[in-house]
N, C-alpha and C. Protein backbone atom coordinates (compact mmCIF):
# COMPACT_ATOMS: atom_id res chain seq x y z
N UNK A 1 1.71 0.18 -8.95
CA UNK A 1 2.12 0.04 -7.56
C UNK A 1 3.62 0.24 -7.46
N UNK A 2 4.04 0.51 -6.26
CA UNK A 2 5.45 0.72 -5.98
C UNK A 2 5.75 0.07 -4.64
N UNK A 3 6.73 -0.82 -4.63
CA UNK A 3 7.08 -1.53 -3.39
C UNK A 3 8.16 -0.75 -2.66
N UNK A 4 7.88 -0.43 -1.40
CA UNK A 4 8.82 0.32 -0.57
C UNK A 4 9.65 -0.66 0.24
N UNK A 5 10.98 -0.53 0.15
CA UNK A 5 11.89 -1.41 0.86
C UNK A 5 12.34 -0.83 2.20
N UNK A 6 12.61 0.46 2.22
CA UNK A 6 13.05 1.13 3.44
C UNK A 6 12.38 2.50 3.50
N UNK A 7 12.01 2.94 4.69
CA UNK A 7 12.12 2.31 6.00
C UNK A 7 11.10 1.19 6.15
N UNK A 8 11.21 0.46 7.24
CA UNK A 8 10.27 -0.64 7.47
C UNK A 8 8.86 -0.08 7.66
N UNK A 9 7.88 -0.95 7.61
CA UNK A 9 6.47 -0.52 7.61
C UNK A 9 6.11 0.32 8.84
N UNK A 10 6.51 -0.13 10.03
CA UNK A 10 6.14 0.60 11.25
C UNK A 10 6.77 1.99 11.28
N UNK A 11 8.03 2.09 10.88
CA UNK A 11 8.71 3.38 10.87
C UNK A 11 8.07 4.32 9.85
N UNK A 12 7.81 3.81 8.65
CA UNK A 12 7.18 4.62 7.61
C UNK A 12 5.79 5.07 8.05
N UNK A 13 5.02 4.16 8.62
CA UNK A 13 3.68 4.48 9.08
C UNK A 13 3.73 5.63 10.09
N UNK A 14 4.59 5.50 11.09
CA UNK A 14 4.68 6.52 12.14
C UNK A 14 5.19 7.85 11.62
N UNK A 15 6.15 7.82 10.69
CA UNK A 15 6.65 9.08 10.13
C UNK A 15 5.54 9.82 9.39
N UNK A 16 4.74 9.10 8.64
CA UNK A 16 3.67 9.74 7.89
C UNK A 16 2.50 10.13 8.78
N UNK A 17 2.19 9.30 9.77
CA UNK A 17 1.02 9.54 10.62
C UNK A 17 1.25 10.67 11.62
N UNK A 18 2.49 10.84 12.08
CA UNK A 18 2.72 11.79 13.17
C UNK A 18 3.61 12.96 12.81
N UNK A 19 3.98 13.10 11.57
CA UNK A 19 4.85 14.21 11.18
C UNK A 19 4.21 14.99 10.03
N UNK A 20 4.36 16.28 10.09
CA UNK A 20 3.85 17.14 9.02
C UNK A 20 4.82 17.19 7.84
N UNK A 21 6.08 16.81 8.09
CA UNK A 21 7.12 16.91 7.07
C UNK A 21 6.95 15.79 6.04
N UNK A 22 6.90 16.14 4.75
CA UNK A 22 6.81 15.09 3.72
C UNK A 22 8.12 14.31 3.62
N UNK A 23 8.01 13.05 3.21
CA UNK A 23 9.18 12.20 3.00
C UNK A 23 9.56 12.26 1.53
N UNK A 24 10.83 12.09 1.24
CA UNK A 24 11.28 12.12 -0.14
C UNK A 24 11.73 10.74 -0.59
N UNK A 25 11.55 10.47 -1.87
CA UNK A 25 12.04 9.23 -2.45
C UNK A 25 13.52 9.40 -2.77
N UNK A 26 14.28 8.34 -2.56
CA UNK A 26 15.72 8.42 -2.77
C UNK A 26 16.06 8.78 -4.21
N UNK A 27 17.10 9.56 -4.33
CA UNK A 27 17.59 10.00 -5.63
C UNK A 27 19.11 10.02 -5.56
N UNK A 28 19.78 9.58 -6.61
CA UNK A 28 21.25 9.61 -6.56
C UNK A 28 21.76 11.05 -6.56
N UNK A 29 22.90 11.22 -5.94
CA UNK A 29 23.55 12.54 -5.90
C UNK A 29 24.17 12.81 -7.27
N UNK A 30 23.97 14.02 -7.78
CA UNK A 30 24.66 14.44 -9.00
C UNK A 30 25.00 15.92 -8.86
N UNK A 31 25.60 16.47 -9.88
CA UNK A 31 26.03 17.87 -9.82
C UNK A 31 24.87 18.82 -9.60
N UNK A 32 23.71 18.48 -10.13
CA UNK A 32 22.56 19.37 -10.03
C UNK A 32 21.91 19.36 -8.66
N UNK A 33 21.94 18.20 -7.98
CA UNK A 33 21.24 18.11 -6.70
C UNK A 33 22.07 18.60 -5.53
N UNK A 34 23.35 18.29 -5.49
CA UNK A 34 24.19 18.70 -4.36
C UNK A 34 25.65 18.72 -4.81
N UNK A 35 26.11 19.88 -5.27
CA UNK A 35 27.44 19.99 -5.84
C UNK A 35 28.53 19.66 -4.82
N UNK A 36 28.40 20.09 -3.58
CA UNK A 36 29.41 19.85 -2.56
C UNK A 36 29.57 18.35 -2.28
N UNK A 37 28.47 17.66 -2.08
CA UNK A 37 28.53 16.22 -1.82
C UNK A 37 29.04 15.49 -3.05
N UNK A 38 28.59 15.90 -4.23
CA UNK A 38 29.03 15.28 -5.47
C UNK A 38 30.55 15.41 -5.63
N UNK A 39 31.09 16.56 -5.29
CA UNK A 39 32.54 16.78 -5.39
C UNK A 39 33.30 15.85 -4.45
N UNK A 40 32.77 15.65 -3.25
CA UNK A 40 33.41 14.74 -2.29
C UNK A 40 33.36 13.30 -2.80
N UNK A 41 32.25 12.90 -3.37
CA UNK A 41 32.13 11.54 -3.92
C UNK A 41 33.08 11.36 -5.10
N UNK A 42 33.17 12.38 -5.96
CA UNK A 42 34.10 12.32 -7.11
C UNK A 42 35.54 12.19 -6.62
N UNK A 43 35.90 12.89 -5.56
CA UNK A 43 37.23 12.78 -5.00
C UNK A 43 37.50 11.37 -4.48
N UNK A 44 36.51 10.80 -3.78
CA UNK A 44 36.66 9.44 -3.26
C UNK A 44 36.82 8.44 -4.41
N UNK A 45 36.09 8.63 -5.51
CA UNK A 45 36.21 7.73 -6.66
C UNK A 45 37.58 7.88 -7.32
N UNK A 46 38.12 9.08 -7.32
CA UNK A 46 39.48 9.30 -7.85
C UNK A 46 40.50 8.53 -7.04
N UNK A 47 40.24 8.41 -5.75
CA UNK A 47 41.12 7.65 -4.86
C UNK A 47 40.79 6.16 -4.85
N UNK A 48 40.00 5.71 -5.84
CA UNK A 48 39.60 4.30 -6.00
C UNK A 48 38.73 3.79 -4.85
N UNK A 49 37.95 4.66 -4.28
CA UNK A 49 37.01 4.26 -3.24
C UNK A 49 35.62 4.68 -3.71
N UNK A 50 34.92 3.77 -4.39
CA UNK A 50 33.64 4.07 -5.01
C UNK A 50 32.51 4.10 -3.97
N UNK A 51 31.68 5.11 -4.06
CA UNK A 51 30.53 5.24 -3.18
C UNK A 51 29.27 5.42 -4.02
N UNK A 52 28.21 4.71 -3.65
CA UNK A 52 26.92 4.91 -4.28
C UNK A 52 26.04 5.62 -3.26
N UNK A 53 25.91 6.92 -3.39
CA UNK A 53 25.20 7.70 -2.40
C UNK A 53 23.83 8.10 -2.93
N UNK A 54 22.83 7.83 -2.12
CA UNK A 54 21.46 8.21 -2.44
C UNK A 54 20.97 9.14 -1.33
N UNK A 55 20.23 10.15 -1.68
CA UNK A 55 19.63 11.01 -0.68
C UNK A 55 18.12 10.82 -0.74
N UNK A 56 17.49 10.85 0.41
CA UNK A 56 16.05 10.68 0.48
C UNK A 56 15.67 9.71 1.57
N UNK A 57 14.40 9.70 1.93
CA UNK A 57 13.89 8.90 3.04
C UNK A 57 13.41 7.52 2.63
N UNK A 58 12.92 7.37 1.40
CA UNK A 58 12.23 6.15 0.99
C UNK A 58 13.00 5.44 -0.11
N UNK A 59 13.34 4.18 0.13
CA UNK A 59 14.01 3.34 -0.86
C UNK A 59 12.97 2.38 -1.44
N UNK A 60 12.96 2.26 -2.75
CA UNK A 60 11.98 1.39 -3.41
C UNK A 60 12.67 0.30 -4.21
N UNK A 61 11.89 -0.69 -4.62
CA UNK A 61 12.43 -1.73 -5.49
C UNK A 61 12.46 -1.22 -6.93
N UNK A 62 13.21 -1.89 -7.77
CA UNK A 62 13.28 -1.52 -9.18
C UNK A 62 14.34 -0.47 -9.45
N UNK A 63 14.48 -0.13 -10.71
CA UNK A 63 15.47 0.85 -11.11
C UNK A 63 14.93 2.26 -10.88
N UNK A 64 15.81 3.22 -10.95
CA UNK A 64 15.41 4.62 -10.76
C UNK A 64 14.44 5.05 -11.86
N UNK A 65 14.71 4.62 -13.09
CA UNK A 65 13.84 4.98 -14.22
C UNK A 65 12.44 4.39 -14.02
N UNK A 66 12.37 3.11 -13.61
CA UNK A 66 11.06 2.49 -13.35
C UNK A 66 10.32 3.22 -12.24
N UNK A 67 11.04 3.55 -11.16
CA UNK A 67 10.42 4.23 -10.03
C UNK A 67 9.89 5.59 -10.45
N UNK A 68 10.69 6.36 -11.16
CA UNK A 68 10.26 7.69 -11.59
C UNK A 68 9.04 7.61 -12.50
N UNK A 69 9.03 6.63 -13.39
CA UNK A 69 7.88 6.44 -14.29
C UNK A 69 6.63 6.08 -13.49
N UNK A 70 6.78 5.19 -12.53
CA UNK A 70 5.64 4.78 -11.71
C UNK A 70 5.13 5.94 -10.87
N UNK A 71 6.03 6.69 -10.25
CA UNK A 71 5.62 7.84 -9.43
C UNK A 71 4.91 8.89 -10.28
N UNK A 72 5.42 9.14 -11.47
CA UNK A 72 4.79 10.11 -12.36
C UNK A 72 3.38 9.65 -12.73
N UNK A 73 3.24 8.37 -13.04
CA UNK A 73 1.95 7.81 -13.41
C UNK A 73 0.96 7.87 -12.22
N UNK A 74 1.42 7.46 -11.04
CA UNK A 74 0.56 7.50 -9.86
C UNK A 74 0.12 8.93 -9.54
N UNK A 75 1.07 9.84 -9.62
CA UNK A 75 0.77 11.25 -9.30
C UNK A 75 -0.24 11.83 -10.29
N UNK A 76 -0.07 11.55 -11.58
CA UNK A 76 -0.98 12.11 -12.57
C UNK A 76 -2.38 11.50 -12.45
N UNK A 77 -2.47 10.20 -12.19
CA UNK A 77 -3.79 9.57 -12.02
C UNK A 77 -4.50 10.09 -10.77
N UNK A 78 -3.75 10.24 -9.68
CA UNK A 78 -4.35 10.75 -8.44
C UNK A 78 -4.80 12.20 -8.61
N UNK A 79 -3.99 12.98 -9.31
CA UNK A 79 -4.33 14.39 -9.55
C UNK A 79 -5.58 14.50 -10.42
N UNK A 80 -5.67 13.66 -11.44
CA UNK A 80 -6.83 13.66 -12.33
C UNK A 80 -8.10 13.28 -11.56
N UNK A 81 -8.02 12.25 -10.72
CA UNK A 81 -9.19 11.84 -9.92
C UNK A 81 -9.61 12.95 -8.96
N UNK A 82 -8.63 13.62 -8.38
CA UNK A 82 -8.92 14.72 -7.46
C UNK A 82 -9.62 15.87 -8.18
N UNK A 83 -9.14 16.20 -9.37
CA UNK A 83 -9.72 17.30 -10.13
C UNK A 83 -11.10 16.97 -10.68
N UNK A 84 -11.28 15.74 -11.20
CA UNK A 84 -12.54 15.38 -11.85
C UNK A 84 -13.61 14.91 -10.88
N UNK A 85 -13.21 14.16 -9.84
CA UNK A 85 -14.19 13.58 -8.94
C UNK A 85 -14.16 14.17 -7.54
N UNK A 86 -13.11 14.92 -7.22
CA UNK A 86 -13.00 15.51 -5.90
C UNK A 86 -12.64 14.53 -4.81
N UNK A 87 -12.09 13.37 -5.19
CA UNK A 87 -11.72 12.36 -4.19
C UNK A 87 -10.27 11.95 -4.37
N UNK A 88 -9.67 11.59 -3.26
CA UNK A 88 -8.30 11.09 -3.29
C UNK A 88 -8.35 9.58 -3.54
N UNK A 89 -7.60 9.12 -4.51
CA UNK A 89 -7.59 7.68 -4.83
C UNK A 89 -6.22 7.06 -4.57
N UNK A 90 -5.31 7.82 -3.98
CA UNK A 90 -3.95 7.33 -3.76
C UNK A 90 -3.78 6.91 -2.30
N UNK A 91 -3.47 5.63 -2.11
CA UNK A 91 -3.31 5.08 -0.77
C UNK A 91 -2.00 4.33 -0.64
N UNK A 92 -1.43 4.43 0.53
CA UNK A 92 -0.27 3.63 0.89
C UNK A 92 -0.81 2.48 1.73
N UNK A 93 -0.53 1.25 1.31
CA UNK A 93 -1.09 0.07 1.98
C UNK A 93 -0.07 -0.52 2.94
N UNK A 94 -0.54 -0.83 4.13
CA UNK A 94 0.30 -1.41 5.17
C UNK A 94 -0.27 -2.76 5.57
N UNK A 95 0.56 -3.78 5.49
CA UNK A 95 0.14 -5.12 5.88
C UNK A 95 -0.72 -5.75 4.81
N UNK A 96 -0.45 -6.99 4.51
CA UNK A 96 -1.25 -7.72 3.54
C UNK A 96 -1.71 -9.02 4.18
N UNK A 97 -2.91 -9.42 3.85
CA UNK A 97 -3.46 -10.68 4.36
C UNK A 97 -3.50 -11.66 3.20
N UNK A 98 -3.00 -12.86 3.45
CA UNK A 98 -3.05 -13.96 2.48
C UNK A 98 -4.06 -14.98 3.00
N UNK A 99 -4.94 -15.46 2.12
CA UNK A 99 -5.91 -16.46 2.52
C UNK A 99 -6.36 -17.25 1.31
N UNK A 100 -7.02 -18.37 1.61
CA UNK A 100 -7.63 -19.19 0.56
C UNK A 100 -9.13 -19.13 0.72
N UNK A 101 -9.83 -19.08 -0.41
CA UNK A 101 -11.28 -19.04 -0.35
C UNK A 101 -11.83 -20.31 0.27
N UNK A 102 -12.67 -20.14 1.23
CA UNK A 102 -13.37 -21.23 1.91
C UNK A 102 -12.44 -22.34 2.37
N UNK A 103 -11.20 -21.97 2.66
CA UNK A 103 -10.21 -22.87 3.26
C UNK A 103 -10.01 -24.16 2.46
N UNK A 104 -10.16 -24.09 1.15
CA UNK A 104 -9.92 -25.26 0.29
C UNK A 104 -8.45 -25.32 -0.05
N UNK A 105 -7.87 -26.50 0.08
CA UNK A 105 -6.45 -26.68 -0.24
C UNK A 105 -6.15 -26.44 -1.72
N UNK A 106 -7.11 -26.71 -2.58
CA UNK A 106 -6.88 -26.54 -4.02
C UNK A 106 -7.05 -25.09 -4.47
N UNK A 107 -7.63 -24.26 -3.63
CA UNK A 107 -7.87 -22.86 -4.00
C UNK A 107 -6.56 -22.08 -4.02
N UNK A 108 -6.43 -21.14 -4.94
CA UNK A 108 -5.20 -20.33 -4.97
C UNK A 108 -5.16 -19.36 -3.78
N UNK A 109 -3.95 -18.96 -3.43
CA UNK A 109 -3.78 -17.98 -2.36
C UNK A 109 -4.19 -16.61 -2.88
N UNK A 110 -4.94 -15.90 -2.10
CA UNK A 110 -5.36 -14.54 -2.42
C UNK A 110 -4.63 -13.58 -1.49
N UNK A 111 -4.46 -12.35 -1.94
CA UNK A 111 -3.72 -11.36 -1.18
C UNK A 111 -4.46 -10.03 -1.25
N UNK A 112 -4.59 -9.37 -0.09
CA UNK A 112 -5.25 -8.07 -0.06
C UNK A 112 -4.60 -7.17 0.99
N UNK A 113 -4.56 -5.86 0.72
CA UNK A 113 -4.01 -4.93 1.71
C UNK A 113 -4.94 -4.81 2.91
N UNK A 114 -4.35 -4.56 4.06
CA UNK A 114 -5.11 -4.47 5.30
C UNK A 114 -5.43 -3.02 5.68
N UNK A 115 -4.40 -2.24 5.99
CA UNK A 115 -4.61 -0.84 6.35
C UNK A 115 -4.30 0.06 5.15
N UNK A 116 -5.11 1.08 4.98
CA UNK A 116 -4.94 1.98 3.85
C UNK A 116 -4.83 3.42 4.36
N UNK A 117 -3.66 4.02 4.09
CA UNK A 117 -3.43 5.41 4.50
C UNK A 117 -3.51 6.29 3.26
N UNK A 118 -4.42 7.28 3.25
CA UNK A 118 -4.48 8.19 2.11
C UNK A 118 -3.23 9.07 2.08
N UNK A 119 -2.62 9.17 0.91
CA UNK A 119 -1.39 9.94 0.76
C UNK A 119 -1.46 10.81 -0.48
N UNK A 120 -0.50 11.70 -0.60
CA UNK A 120 -0.38 12.50 -1.82
C UNK A 120 1.08 12.54 -2.23
N UNK A 121 1.30 12.58 -3.53
CA UNK A 121 2.64 12.68 -4.09
C UNK A 121 2.85 14.11 -4.58
N UNK A 122 4.01 14.65 -4.26
CA UNK A 122 4.33 16.00 -4.69
C UNK A 122 5.62 16.03 -5.49
N UNK A 123 5.79 17.07 -6.27
CA UNK A 123 7.01 17.28 -7.04
C UNK A 123 7.17 18.79 -7.20
N UNK A 124 8.21 19.34 -6.55
CA UNK A 124 8.42 20.79 -6.59
C UNK A 124 8.96 21.26 -7.93
N UNK A 125 9.92 20.53 -8.48
CA UNK A 125 10.49 20.88 -9.77
C UNK A 125 10.97 19.60 -10.44
N UNK A 126 11.37 19.69 -11.69
CA UNK A 126 11.79 18.49 -12.43
C UNK A 126 13.04 17.85 -11.82
N UNK A 127 13.92 18.64 -11.22
CA UNK A 127 15.15 18.10 -10.64
C UNK A 127 14.99 17.65 -9.19
N UNK A 128 13.91 18.02 -8.54
CA UNK A 128 13.73 17.64 -7.15
C UNK A 128 13.10 16.25 -7.05
N UNK A 129 13.28 15.58 -5.92
CA UNK A 129 12.70 14.25 -5.77
C UNK A 129 11.20 14.33 -5.48
N UNK A 130 10.50 13.25 -5.76
CA UNK A 130 9.09 13.16 -5.41
C UNK A 130 8.97 13.12 -3.89
N UNK A 131 7.90 13.72 -3.38
CA UNK A 131 7.65 13.69 -1.94
C UNK A 131 6.36 12.93 -1.67
N UNK A 132 6.31 12.33 -0.50
CA UNK A 132 5.13 11.57 -0.06
C UNK A 132 4.68 12.15 1.26
N UNK A 133 3.41 12.50 1.35
CA UNK A 133 2.86 13.00 2.61
C UNK A 133 1.47 12.43 2.82
N UNK A 134 1.05 12.45 4.07
CA UNK A 134 -0.28 11.94 4.40
C UNK A 134 -1.34 12.93 3.96
N UNK A 135 -2.40 12.39 3.37
CA UNK A 135 -3.54 13.19 2.96
C UNK A 135 -4.45 13.34 4.18
N UNK A 136 -5.36 14.29 4.16
CA UNK A 136 -6.15 14.62 5.34
C UNK A 136 -7.16 13.57 5.78
N UNK A 137 -7.52 12.62 4.94
CA UNK A 137 -8.52 11.62 5.32
C UNK A 137 -8.00 10.67 6.38
N UNK A 138 -8.92 9.88 6.93
CA UNK A 138 -8.59 8.92 7.99
C UNK A 138 -7.92 7.67 7.43
N UNK A 139 -7.07 7.09 8.25
CA UNK A 139 -6.48 5.78 7.94
C UNK A 139 -7.57 4.76 8.23
N UNK A 140 -7.77 3.82 7.30
CA UNK A 140 -8.87 2.89 7.49
C UNK A 140 -8.47 1.46 7.14
N UNK A 141 -9.26 0.54 7.68
CA UNK A 141 -9.14 -0.86 7.31
C UNK A 141 -9.74 -0.99 5.92
N UNK A 142 -9.11 -1.79 5.06
CA UNK A 142 -9.59 -2.00 3.70
C UNK A 142 -11.09 -2.36 3.75
N UNK A 143 -11.99 -1.47 3.30
CA UNK A 143 -13.43 -1.72 3.44
C UNK A 143 -13.92 -2.93 2.65
N UNK A 144 -13.34 -3.19 1.51
CA UNK A 144 -13.74 -4.35 0.72
C UNK A 144 -13.35 -5.64 1.40
N UNK A 145 -12.14 -5.68 1.93
CA UNK A 145 -11.67 -6.86 2.66
C UNK A 145 -12.51 -7.08 3.92
N UNK A 146 -12.80 -6.00 4.63
CA UNK A 146 -13.60 -6.09 5.85
C UNK A 146 -14.98 -6.67 5.54
N UNK A 147 -15.61 -6.17 4.46
CA UNK A 147 -16.92 -6.67 4.07
C UNK A 147 -16.85 -8.16 3.68
N UNK A 148 -15.85 -8.51 2.86
CA UNK A 148 -15.70 -9.90 2.41
C UNK A 148 -15.52 -10.85 3.59
N UNK A 149 -14.61 -10.51 4.49
CA UNK A 149 -14.36 -11.39 5.63
C UNK A 149 -15.59 -11.51 6.52
N UNK A 150 -16.34 -10.44 6.66
CA UNK A 150 -17.54 -10.49 7.49
C UNK A 150 -18.62 -11.33 6.82
N UNK A 151 -18.87 -11.11 5.53
CA UNK A 151 -19.94 -11.80 4.81
C UNK A 151 -19.62 -13.27 4.55
N UNK A 152 -18.40 -13.56 4.09
CA UNK A 152 -18.05 -14.92 3.67
C UNK A 152 -17.52 -15.81 4.80
N UNK A 153 -16.80 -15.21 5.74
CA UNK A 153 -16.11 -16.02 6.75
C UNK A 153 -16.54 -15.70 8.18
N UNK A 154 -17.45 -14.75 8.35
CA UNK A 154 -17.93 -14.34 9.67
C UNK A 154 -16.78 -13.89 10.58
N UNK A 155 -15.86 -13.17 9.98
CA UNK A 155 -14.72 -12.61 10.72
C UNK A 155 -14.87 -11.10 10.74
N UNK A 156 -14.91 -10.54 11.92
CA UNK A 156 -14.97 -9.09 12.07
C UNK A 156 -13.57 -8.55 12.29
N UNK A 157 -13.07 -7.81 11.32
CA UNK A 157 -11.77 -7.19 11.49
C UNK A 157 -11.93 -6.01 12.45
N UNK A 158 -11.00 -5.86 13.38
CA UNK A 158 -11.11 -4.73 14.32
C UNK A 158 -10.94 -3.41 13.59
N UNK A 159 -11.59 -2.38 14.11
CA UNK A 159 -11.42 -1.05 13.53
C UNK A 159 -10.06 -0.51 13.96
N UNK A 160 -9.51 0.35 13.15
CA UNK A 160 -8.21 0.93 13.45
C UNK A 160 -8.39 2.32 14.04
N UNK A 161 -7.71 2.58 15.16
CA UNK A 161 -7.72 3.90 15.78
C UNK A 161 -6.29 4.37 15.95
N UNK A 162 -6.00 5.54 15.42
CA UNK A 162 -4.67 6.13 15.54
C UNK A 162 -4.61 6.90 16.85
N UNK A 163 -3.97 6.29 17.86
CA UNK A 163 -3.86 6.92 19.17
C UNK A 163 -2.45 7.38 19.46
N UNK A 164 -1.48 6.52 19.19
CA UNK A 164 -0.08 6.82 19.49
C UNK A 164 0.81 6.03 18.55
N UNK A 165 2.11 6.10 18.78
CA UNK A 165 3.07 5.45 17.89
C UNK A 165 3.01 3.92 17.95
N UNK A 166 2.32 3.36 18.92
CA UNK A 166 2.16 1.91 19.00
C UNK A 166 0.89 1.41 18.33
N UNK A 167 0.07 2.32 17.81
CA UNK A 167 -1.22 1.94 17.22
C UNK A 167 -1.06 0.92 16.10
N UNK A 168 -0.09 1.15 15.23
CA UNK A 168 0.12 0.25 14.09
C UNK A 168 0.52 -1.15 14.57
N UNK A 169 1.50 -1.24 15.45
CA UNK A 169 1.96 -2.53 15.96
C UNK A 169 0.86 -3.24 16.75
N UNK A 170 0.11 -2.48 17.54
CA UNK A 170 -0.98 -3.07 18.31
C UNK A 170 -2.07 -3.62 17.40
N UNK A 171 -2.36 -2.90 16.32
CA UNK A 171 -3.37 -3.37 15.39
C UNK A 171 -2.94 -4.67 14.71
N UNK A 172 -1.68 -4.72 14.27
CA UNK A 172 -1.19 -5.95 13.65
C UNK A 172 -1.20 -7.12 14.64
N UNK A 173 -0.96 -6.85 15.91
CA UNK A 173 -1.03 -7.90 16.93
C UNK A 173 -2.47 -8.42 17.06
N UNK A 174 -3.45 -7.53 16.97
CA UNK A 174 -4.85 -7.95 17.01
C UNK A 174 -5.17 -8.85 15.81
N UNK A 175 -4.67 -8.48 14.65
CA UNK A 175 -4.90 -9.29 13.45
C UNK A 175 -4.25 -10.65 13.59
N UNK A 176 -3.03 -10.69 14.14
CA UNK A 176 -2.35 -11.96 14.34
C UNK A 176 -3.13 -12.88 15.27
N UNK A 177 -3.76 -12.32 16.28
CA UNK A 177 -4.61 -13.12 17.18
C UNK A 177 -5.76 -13.75 16.41
N UNK A 178 -6.40 -13.00 15.55
CA UNK A 178 -7.50 -13.52 14.73
C UNK A 178 -6.99 -14.63 13.82
N UNK A 179 -5.83 -14.41 13.20
CA UNK A 179 -5.26 -15.41 12.29
C UNK A 179 -4.91 -16.68 13.06
N UNK A 180 -4.33 -16.54 14.23
CA UNK A 180 -3.96 -17.70 15.04
C UNK A 180 -5.17 -18.54 15.42
N UNK A 181 -6.31 -17.90 15.67
CA UNK A 181 -7.54 -18.61 16.02
C UNK A 181 -8.09 -19.39 14.82
N UNK A 182 -7.82 -18.88 13.62
CA UNK A 182 -8.35 -19.50 12.41
C UNK A 182 -7.37 -20.51 11.84
C-alpha cells in the first residue's frame, strides 16, 4: 500500500474521475529531469537559500526510495494479474470505515476501505515519474464491506453514482448520516 498525503481525497478523486490526464508522483528536481530549474535551485543554494523542490501532482508518505519500491511492486503485480487473469487488481481506496464487531467494547477496532476506484500505474522511462490514471471500470463501494455490513449488522450501504464533482462529498455525507444513526 501507499499512503497519499496530497492532494486531499476529494481533490484527488475529482482529478482522476473527471480528467483524462494522468497524475504524476512527486520526484525531486535533478539535472536529468529539468536542467533549467535545477540550475536555478543550485544558484539559490549558492546564495545560502536552500530549496527542496519536488515536481509532480501526488505527495506520499515515506522516503523516495520506499515510494519507488512500492510503486514498482504495485505496478508489476497489477500488470501480472492483468496479463494472466485479464482483470485489474489495482485500486485507489477513498474513505475508511472503522468499527467494532457486534459493538462489543472489548473487540478490537477494524478498518476497511469504503470506495474503490480502479487505477493503473504507468512509467514511460526509468527517469520519468510514475503516473496514476483511472482505469476503465466503475468506481464501486467495497463489495466485501457492503456484504458484511448487510449480513452482520443489517446496514445497507448506499450505492455510489458518479454524477458530478460533488458526488464524492455527497456520498461521504450519506455515510456520515448512517454512522450518526448507529
